[in-house]
Amino acid sequence: MSTGAKNENITRAEAQARSRLVATDSYAVDLDLTGTGSTFRSTTTCIFECREPGSTTWIDLIADSVESVTLNGTELDPAQVVDGGRITLPDLARDNTVTIVAQCRYMNTGEGLHRFVDPVDDETYLYTQFESADARRMYACFEQPDLKATFQLT
């Protein structure tokens, strides 16, 4: 399921409501950067708390496609939960774990992750200068400044 560009930006009211609802603990992000194509595999596992169990929220991701979404051990259908740059997380427990596997696009606009093969030395170089809002082009996250967490990047 493609995440496209719909619903890319969060409003102030949405950010305030989401920060009242959830508290993030940690992210484990596993990137497979070994391919030579225009995309890379991004697997994100986020552990977070919901202050109102039974509620619904979303996690942010801008990707070419979402292969799988697993919330608290239950597989969710990407066709049902992916809407633009948002992935709906329904019926939350107090303590939650979501794992999202996606194909993300290398960018050359300064957003997300940039991949460049130098024609002189034939080496591949990766870099990013993304602003906080562009992290969601590399991995799934609750993209707003007041929802901080620890990261493990592989």
N, C-alpha and C. Protein backbone atom coordinates (compact mmCIF):
# COMPACT_ATOMS: atom_id res chain seq x y z
N MET A 1 0.86 -1.18 0.00
CA MET A 1 0.00 0.00 0.00
C MET A 1 0.89 1.22 0.00
N SER A 2 0.72 2.09 -0.96
CA SER A 2 1.51 3.31 -1.07
C SER A 2 1.03 4.33 -0.05
N THR A 3 1.98 5.05 0.55
CA THR A 3 1.60 6.08 1.51
C THR A 3 1.36 7.41 0.84
N GLY A 4 1.87 7.61 -0.37
CA GLY A 4 1.59 8.83 -1.12
C GLY A 4 1.88 10.10 -0.35
N ALA A 5 1.21 11.18 -0.72
CA ALA A 5 1.48 12.47 -0.10
C ALA A 5 0.30 13.00 0.71
N LYS A 6 -0.82 12.31 0.71
CA LYS A 6 -2.00 12.75 1.43
C LYS A 6 -1.72 12.77 2.94
N ASN A 7 -2.25 13.73 3.65
CA ASN A 7 -2.10 13.84 5.11
C ASN A 7 -0.66 13.93 5.56
N GLU A 8 0.19 14.63 4.82
CA GLU A 8 1.59 14.70 5.22
C GLU A 8 1.82 15.49 6.49
N ASN A 9 1.13 16.62 6.67
CA ASN A 9 1.45 17.50 7.79
C ASN A 9 0.43 17.40 8.90
N ILE A 10 0.93 17.47 10.12
CA ILE A 10 0.09 17.41 11.30
C ILE A 10 -0.28 18.84 11.71
N THR A 11 -1.51 19.02 12.15
CA THR A 11 -1.92 20.33 12.63
C THR A 11 -1.54 20.47 14.11
N ARG A 12 -1.55 21.70 14.59
CA ARG A 12 -1.23 21.94 16.00
C ARG A 12 -2.23 21.20 16.90
N ALA A 13 -3.52 21.26 16.56
CA ALA A 13 -4.55 20.59 17.36
C ALA A 13 -4.33 19.07 17.37
N GLU A 14 -3.98 18.50 16.21
CA GLU A 14 -3.72 17.06 16.14
C GLU A 14 -2.51 16.69 16.99
N ALA A 15 -1.47 17.50 16.93
CA ALA A 15 -0.26 17.23 17.73
C ALA A 15 -0.57 17.29 19.22
N GLN A 16 -1.34 18.28 19.63
CA GLN A 16 -1.70 18.39 21.05
C GLN A 16 -2.53 17.20 21.50
N ALA A 17 -3.49 16.80 20.69
CA ALA A 17 -4.34 15.66 21.05
C ALA A 17 -3.51 14.38 21.12
N ARG A 18 -2.61 14.18 20.16
CA ARG A 18 -1.80 12.95 20.17
C ARG A 18 -0.84 12.93 21.35
N SER A 19 -0.27 14.07 21.71
CA SER A 19 0.66 14.07 22.84
C SER A 19 -0.06 13.85 24.18
N ARG A 20 -1.34 14.21 24.25
CA ARG A 20 -2.12 13.88 25.45
C ARG A 20 -2.42 12.39 25.52
N LEU A 21 -2.50 11.75 24.35
CA LEU A 21 -2.89 10.34 24.28
C LEU A 21 -1.73 9.37 24.43
N VAL A 22 -0.58 9.66 23.82
CA VAL A 22 0.52 8.69 23.81
C VAL A 22 1.80 9.27 24.39
N ALA A 23 2.63 8.36 24.88
CA ALA A 23 4.00 8.67 25.32
C ALA A 23 4.90 7.63 24.68
N THR A 24 5.91 8.08 23.98
CA THR A 24 6.81 7.17 23.28
C THR A 24 7.95 6.75 24.18
N ASP A 25 8.36 5.48 24.04
CA ASP A 25 9.45 4.94 24.84
C ASP A 25 10.69 4.75 23.98
N SER A 26 10.55 3.96 22.89
CA SER A 26 11.74 3.65 22.10
C SER A 26 11.37 3.27 20.67
N TYR A 27 12.39 3.43 19.81
CA TYR A 27 12.31 3.00 18.42
C TYR A 27 13.51 2.11 18.14
N ALA A 28 13.27 1.01 17.44
CA ALA A 28 14.34 0.21 16.86
C ALA A 28 14.13 0.29 15.35
N VAL A 29 15.09 0.87 14.66
CA VAL A 29 14.98 1.09 13.22
C VAL A 29 16.05 0.26 12.53
N ASP A 30 15.61 -0.59 11.62
CA ASP A 30 16.52 -1.45 10.85
C ASP A 30 16.37 -1.08 9.38
N LEU A 31 17.45 -0.54 8.79
CA LEU A 31 17.44 -0.14 7.39
C LEU A 31 18.28 -1.10 6.58
N ASP A 32 17.73 -1.59 5.47
CA ASP A 32 18.50 -2.41 4.54
C ASP A 32 18.90 -1.52 3.37
N LEU A 33 20.15 -1.10 3.38
CA LEU A 33 20.67 -0.16 2.39
C LEU A 33 21.57 -0.84 1.38
N THR A 34 21.44 -2.17 1.26
CA THR A 34 22.35 -2.93 0.41
C THR A 34 21.96 -2.96 -1.06
N GLY A 35 20.73 -2.61 -1.38
CA GLY A 35 20.28 -2.67 -2.77
C GLY A 35 20.85 -1.54 -3.61
N THR A 36 20.59 -1.62 -4.90
CA THR A 36 21.07 -0.58 -5.82
C THR A 36 19.92 0.21 -6.43
N GLY A 37 18.71 -0.09 -6.04
CA GLY A 37 17.54 0.58 -6.61
C GLY A 37 17.25 1.92 -5.97
N SER A 38 16.08 2.43 -6.25
CA SER A 38 15.68 3.75 -5.77
C SER A 38 15.00 3.72 -4.40
N THR A 39 14.81 2.52 -3.84
CA THR A 39 14.19 2.40 -2.53
C THR A 39 15.04 1.54 -1.61
N PHE A 40 14.74 1.64 -0.32
CA PHE A 40 15.39 0.81 0.69
C PHE A 40 14.33 0.30 1.65
N ARG A 41 14.62 -0.84 2.28
CA ARG A 41 13.67 -1.45 3.22
C ARG A 41 13.89 -0.81 4.59
N SER A 42 12.80 -0.38 5.19
CA SER A 42 12.82 0.24 6.51
C SER A 42 11.89 -0.55 7.42
N THR A 43 12.45 -1.06 8.51
CA THR A 43 11.65 -1.78 9.50
C THR A 43 11.76 -1.01 10.82
N THR A 44 10.62 -0.59 11.32
CA THR A 44 10.58 0.20 12.56
C THR A 44 9.75 -0.54 13.59
N THR A 45 10.30 -0.67 14.79
CA THR A 45 9.53 -1.16 15.93
C THR A 45 9.49 -0.05 16.96
N CYS A 46 8.29 0.38 17.29
CA CYS A 46 8.10 1.47 18.25
C CYS A 46 7.35 0.93 19.45
N ILE A 47 7.86 1.25 20.64
CA ILE A 47 7.19 0.90 21.89
C ILE A 47 6.66 2.20 22.49
N PHE A 48 5.37 2.20 22.78
CA PHE A 48 4.75 3.42 23.30
C PHE A 48 3.59 3.08 24.23
N GLU A 49 3.20 4.07 25.01
CA GLU A 49 2.11 3.93 25.97
C GLU A 49 0.91 4.73 25.49
N CYS A 50 -0.27 4.21 25.76
CA CYS A 50 -1.51 4.94 25.47
C CYS A 50 -2.19 5.24 26.81
N ARG A 51 -2.48 6.49 27.05
CA ARG A 51 -3.09 6.90 28.32
C ARG A 51 -4.58 6.60 28.38
N GLU A 52 -5.19 6.29 27.22
CA GLU A 52 -6.61 5.96 27.17
C GLU A 52 -6.78 4.68 26.35
N PRO A 53 -6.56 3.50 26.97
CA PRO A 53 -6.68 2.24 26.23
C PRO A 53 -8.01 2.16 25.49
N GLY A 54 -7.95 1.57 24.29
CA GLY A 54 -9.12 1.48 23.43
C GLY A 54 -9.17 2.59 22.39
N SER A 55 -8.32 3.60 22.57
CA SER A 55 -8.28 4.73 21.63
C SER A 55 -7.57 4.36 20.34
N THR A 56 -7.68 5.26 19.37
CA THR A 56 -7.03 5.12 18.07
C THR A 56 -6.16 6.35 17.85
N THR A 57 -4.98 6.14 17.26
CA THR A 57 -4.12 7.24 16.84
C THR A 57 -3.45 6.82 15.53
N TRP A 58 -2.39 7.50 15.17
CA TRP A 58 -1.65 7.14 13.97
C TRP A 58 -0.17 7.37 14.19
N ILE A 59 0.63 6.70 13.38
CA ILE A 59 2.06 6.90 13.33
C ILE A 59 2.37 7.40 11.92
N ASP A 60 3.41 8.21 11.80
CA ASP A 60 3.72 8.88 10.53
C ASP A 60 4.75 8.09 9.72
N LEU A 61 4.54 8.02 8.40
CA LEU A 61 5.50 7.40 7.49
C LEU A 61 5.17 7.84 6.07
N ILE A 62 6.17 8.32 5.37
CA ILE A 62 6.02 8.62 3.94
C ILE A 62 6.91 7.62 3.22
N ALA A 63 6.29 6.68 2.52
CA ALA A 63 7.03 5.58 1.88
C ALA A 63 6.37 5.23 0.56
N ASP A 64 7.14 4.56 -0.30
CA ASP A 64 6.56 4.07 -1.55
C ASP A 64 5.50 3.01 -1.28
N SER A 65 5.77 2.14 -0.31
CA SER A 65 4.80 1.10 0.02
C SER A 65 5.02 0.63 1.45
N VAL A 66 3.94 0.20 2.07
CA VAL A 66 3.98 -0.41 3.40
C VAL A 66 3.67 -1.88 3.20
N GLU A 67 4.62 -2.73 3.57
CA GLU A 67 4.46 -4.17 3.38
C GLU A 67 3.69 -4.82 4.51
N SER A 68 3.93 -4.35 5.74
CA SER A 68 3.22 -4.95 6.87
C SER A 68 3.16 -3.98 8.05
N VAL A 69 2.10 -4.15 8.84
CA VAL A 69 1.90 -3.40 10.08
C VAL A 69 1.45 -4.41 11.12
N THR A 70 2.21 -4.53 12.19
CA THR A 70 1.86 -5.45 13.27
C THR A 70 1.74 -4.64 14.56
N LEU A 71 0.55 -4.65 15.15
CA LEU A 71 0.29 -3.91 16.38
C LEU A 71 -0.04 -4.90 17.49
N ASN A 72 0.80 -4.94 18.49
CA ASN A 72 0.61 -5.82 19.65
C ASN A 72 0.38 -7.26 19.23
N GLY A 73 1.15 -7.71 18.24
CA GLY A 73 1.09 -9.10 17.79
C GLY A 73 0.03 -9.38 16.74
N THR A 74 -0.79 -8.41 16.40
CA THR A 74 -1.86 -8.59 15.42
C THR A 74 -1.48 -7.91 14.11
N GLU A 75 -1.55 -8.68 13.01
CA GLU A 75 -1.28 -8.13 11.68
C GLU A 75 -2.46 -7.26 11.26
N LEU A 76 -2.16 -6.03 10.85
CA LEU A 76 -3.18 -5.14 10.31
C LEU A 76 -3.01 -5.08 8.80
N ASP A 77 -4.10 -4.93 8.08
CA ASP A 77 -4.06 -4.87 6.62
C ASP A 77 -3.62 -3.47 6.19
N PRO A 78 -2.43 -3.35 5.55
CA PRO A 78 -1.99 -2.02 5.11
C PRO A 78 -3.03 -1.30 4.25
N ALA A 79 -3.79 -2.02 3.45
CA ALA A 79 -4.81 -1.38 2.62
C ALA A 79 -5.89 -0.70 3.47
N GLN A 80 -6.07 -1.18 4.69
CA GLN A 80 -7.08 -0.62 5.58
C GLN A 80 -6.54 0.48 6.49
N VAL A 81 -5.25 0.42 6.85
CA VAL A 81 -4.74 1.35 7.87
C VAL A 81 -3.82 2.44 7.33
N VAL A 82 -3.32 2.30 6.10
CA VAL A 82 -2.44 3.33 5.53
C VAL A 82 -3.29 4.35 4.78
N ASP A 83 -3.11 5.62 5.15
CA ASP A 83 -3.82 6.71 4.50
C ASP A 83 -2.82 7.85 4.31
N GLY A 84 -2.25 7.93 3.12
CA GLY A 84 -1.24 8.96 2.87
C GLY A 84 -0.03 8.73 3.74
N GLY A 85 0.38 9.74 4.49
CA GLY A 85 1.55 9.65 5.36
C GLY A 85 1.22 9.19 6.76
N ARG A 86 0.04 8.63 6.95
CA ARG A 86 -0.39 8.18 8.29
C ARG A 86 -0.77 6.70 8.26
N ILE A 87 -0.43 6.03 9.34
CA ILE A 87 -0.82 4.64 9.53
C ILE A 87 -1.65 4.59 10.81
N THR A 88 -2.93 4.24 10.65
CA THR A 88 -3.86 4.20 11.78
C THR A 88 -3.51 3.04 12.71
N LEU A 89 -3.51 3.34 14.00
CA LEU A 89 -3.26 2.33 15.04
C LEU A 89 -4.51 2.27 15.92
N PRO A 90 -5.38 1.28 15.66
CA PRO A 90 -6.67 1.21 16.37
C PRO A 90 -6.60 0.40 17.66
N ASP A 91 -7.58 0.63 18.53
CA ASP A 91 -7.81 -0.18 19.72
C ASP A 91 -6.53 -0.40 20.52
N LEU A 92 -5.90 0.69 20.91
CA LEU A 92 -4.62 0.62 21.61
C LEU A 92 -4.77 0.07 23.03
N ALA A 93 -3.75 -0.63 23.47
CA ALA A 93 -3.65 -1.10 24.85
C ALA A 93 -2.92 -0.02 25.65
N ARG A 94 -2.73 -0.24 26.93
CA ARG A 94 -1.94 0.71 27.72
C ARG A 94 -0.49 0.70 27.22
N ASP A 95 0.09 -0.50 27.05
CA ASP A 95 1.45 -0.66 26.54
C ASP A 95 1.37 -1.27 25.15
N ASN A 96 2.04 -0.66 24.18
CA ASN A 96 1.90 -1.04 22.78
C ASN A 96 3.25 -1.21 22.10
N THR A 97 3.27 -2.14 21.16
CA THR A 97 4.42 -2.32 20.27
C THR A 97 3.89 -2.41 18.86
N VAL A 98 4.40 -1.55 17.97
CA VAL A 98 4.02 -1.59 16.57
C VAL A 98 5.29 -1.80 15.75
N THR A 99 5.19 -2.70 14.77
CA THR A 99 6.30 -2.93 13.83
C THR A 99 5.77 -2.69 12.43
N ILE A 100 6.49 -1.86 11.70
CA ILE A 100 6.09 -1.48 10.34
C ILE A 100 7.25 -1.76 9.40
N VAL A 101 6.96 -2.49 8.32
CA VAL A 101 7.95 -2.79 7.29
C VAL A 101 7.51 -2.05 6.03
N ALA A 102 8.43 -1.27 5.46
CA ALA A 102 8.07 -0.44 4.31
C ALA A 102 9.24 -0.31 3.35
N GLN A 103 8.92 0.09 2.14
CA GLN A 103 9.91 0.46 1.14
C GLN A 103 9.91 1.98 1.07
N CYS A 104 11.02 2.57 1.48
CA CYS A 104 11.15 4.03 1.48
C CYS A 104 12.03 4.45 0.31
N ARG A 105 11.81 5.65 -0.18
CA ARG A 105 12.50 6.15 -1.37
C ARG A 105 13.70 6.99 -0.97
N TYR A 106 14.83 6.72 -1.62
CA TYR A 106 15.97 7.63 -1.51
C TYR A 106 15.56 8.95 -2.12
N MET A 107 15.95 10.04 -1.50
CA MET A 107 15.58 11.37 -1.97
C MET A 107 16.84 12.09 -2.48
N ASN A 108 16.65 13.10 -3.30
CA ASN A 108 17.78 13.95 -3.69
C ASN A 108 17.39 15.42 -3.55
N THR A 109 16.48 15.68 -2.62
CA THR A 109 15.96 17.02 -2.40
C THR A 109 16.36 17.58 -1.04
N GLY A 110 17.17 16.84 -0.28
CA GLY A 110 17.51 17.26 1.08
C GLY A 110 16.57 16.69 2.12
N GLU A 111 15.50 16.05 1.68
CA GLU A 111 14.56 15.40 2.60
C GLU A 111 14.94 13.92 2.70
N GLY A 112 14.68 13.30 3.82
CA GLY A 112 14.90 11.87 3.95
C GLY A 112 16.35 11.47 3.77
N LEU A 113 16.56 10.33 3.17
CA LEU A 113 17.89 9.75 2.99
C LEU A 113 18.31 9.87 1.54
N HIS A 114 19.51 10.36 1.32
CA HIS A 114 20.05 10.54 -0.04
C HIS A 114 21.10 9.47 -0.32
N ARG A 115 21.05 8.89 -1.50
CA ARG A 115 22.02 7.88 -1.94
C ARG A 115 22.66 8.39 -3.22
N PHE A 116 24.00 8.31 -3.26
CA PHE A 116 24.74 8.81 -4.41
C PHE A 116 25.87 7.85 -4.73
N VAL A 117 25.97 7.44 -5.98
CA VAL A 117 27.10 6.62 -6.43
C VAL A 117 28.05 7.55 -7.18
N ASP A 118 29.24 7.70 -6.63
CA ASP A 118 30.22 8.61 -7.20
C ASP A 118 30.80 7.99 -8.47
N PRO A 119 30.67 8.67 -9.61
CA PRO A 119 31.17 8.09 -10.86
C PRO A 119 32.70 8.02 -10.92
N VAL A 120 33.39 8.76 -10.07
CA VAL A 120 34.85 8.76 -10.07
C VAL A 120 35.40 7.53 -9.35
N ASP A 121 34.91 7.29 -8.12
CA ASP A 121 35.44 6.15 -7.36
C ASP A 121 34.48 4.97 -7.30
N ASP A 122 33.28 5.10 -7.88
CA ASP A 122 32.26 4.05 -7.92
C ASP A 122 31.81 3.60 -6.52
N GLU A 123 32.02 4.45 -5.53
CA GLU A 123 31.58 4.17 -4.16
C GLU A 123 30.18 4.75 -3.96
N THR A 124 29.43 4.12 -3.06
CA THR A 124 28.09 4.58 -2.72
C THR A 124 28.17 5.40 -1.44
N TYR A 125 27.56 6.56 -1.46
CA TYR A 125 27.54 7.46 -0.31
C TYR A 125 26.10 7.71 0.10
N LEU A 126 25.85 7.70 1.40
CA LEU A 126 24.54 7.98 1.96
C LEU A 126 24.66 9.16 2.91
N TYR A 127 23.69 10.05 2.86
CA TYR A 127 23.69 11.14 3.82
C TYR A 127 22.27 11.68 3.97
N THR A 128 22.09 12.43 5.04
CA THR A 128 20.80 13.07 5.27
C THR A 128 21.05 14.41 5.94
N GLN A 129 20.20 15.36 5.63
CA GLN A 129 20.19 16.66 6.29
C GLN A 129 18.77 16.96 6.74
N PHE A 130 17.96 15.91 6.86
CA PHE A 130 16.54 16.18 7.04
C PHE A 130 16.21 16.87 8.35
N GLU A 131 15.19 17.70 8.25
CA GLU A 131 14.58 18.31 9.41
C GLU A 131 13.80 17.20 10.13
N SER A 132 13.37 17.49 11.33
CA SER A 132 12.62 16.49 12.10
C SER A 132 11.45 15.92 11.33
N ALA A 133 10.73 16.77 10.60
CA ALA A 133 9.56 16.32 9.87
C ALA A 133 9.90 15.34 8.75
N ASP A 134 11.15 15.31 8.33
CA ASP A 134 11.54 14.41 7.26
C ASP A 134 12.02 13.05 7.75
N ALA A 135 12.11 12.86 9.05
CA ALA A 135 12.47 11.55 9.59
C ALA A 135 11.48 10.50 9.10
N ARG A 136 10.23 10.87 8.96
CA ARG A 136 9.18 9.93 8.52
C ARG A 136 9.38 9.47 7.08
N ARG A 137 10.35 10.02 6.38
CA ARG A 137 10.69 9.54 5.03
C ARG A 137 11.71 8.40 5.10
N MET A 138 12.23 8.16 6.31
CA MET A 138 13.24 7.12 6.51
C MET A 138 12.73 5.99 7.41
N TYR A 139 11.85 6.31 8.35
CA TYR A 139 11.30 5.31 9.27
C TYR A 139 9.98 5.83 9.83
N ALA A 140 9.15 4.91 10.29
CA ALA A 140 7.88 5.28 10.91
C ALA A 140 8.15 5.90 12.28
N CYS A 141 7.42 6.97 12.59
CA CYS A 141 7.63 7.63 13.88
C CYS A 141 6.42 8.51 14.22
N PHE A 142 6.33 8.85 15.49
CA PHE A 142 5.38 9.86 15.92
C PHE A 142 6.11 11.19 15.73
N GLU A 143 5.90 11.81 14.60
CA GLU A 143 6.70 12.95 14.18
C GLU A 143 6.14 14.23 14.78
N GLN A 144 6.61 14.52 15.99
CA GLN A 144 6.33 15.81 16.61
C GLN A 144 7.30 15.98 17.76
N PRO A 145 7.74 17.21 18.02
CA PRO A 145 8.85 17.45 18.93
C PRO A 145 8.63 17.02 20.38
N ASP A 146 7.39 16.96 20.84
CA ASP A 146 7.17 16.62 22.24
C ASP A 146 7.03 15.12 22.49
N LEU A 147 7.12 14.30 21.45
CA LEU A 147 7.07 12.84 21.62
C LEU A 147 8.45 12.27 21.35
N LYS A 148 9.32 12.40 22.32
CA LYS A 148 10.70 11.96 22.17
C LYS A 148 10.85 10.52 22.67
N ALA A 149 11.88 9.84 22.17
CA ALA A 149 12.13 8.45 22.57
C ALA A 149 13.60 8.14 22.28
N THR A 150 14.05 7.01 22.79
CA THR A 150 15.39 6.55 22.44
C THR A 150 15.33 5.81 21.11
N PHE A 151 16.48 5.77 20.43
CA PHE A 151 16.57 5.12 19.12
C PHE A 151 17.70 4.12 19.11
N GLN A 152 17.44 3.00 18.46
CA GLN A 152 18.49 2.03 18.09
C GLN A 152 18.42 1.94 16.59
N LEU A 153 19.51 2.33 15.91
CA LEU A 153 19.53 2.34 14.45
C LEU A 153 20.50 1.27 13.95
N THR A 154 19.99 0.37 13.11
CA THR A 154 20.81 -0.69 12.53
C THR A 154 20.75 -0.55 11.03
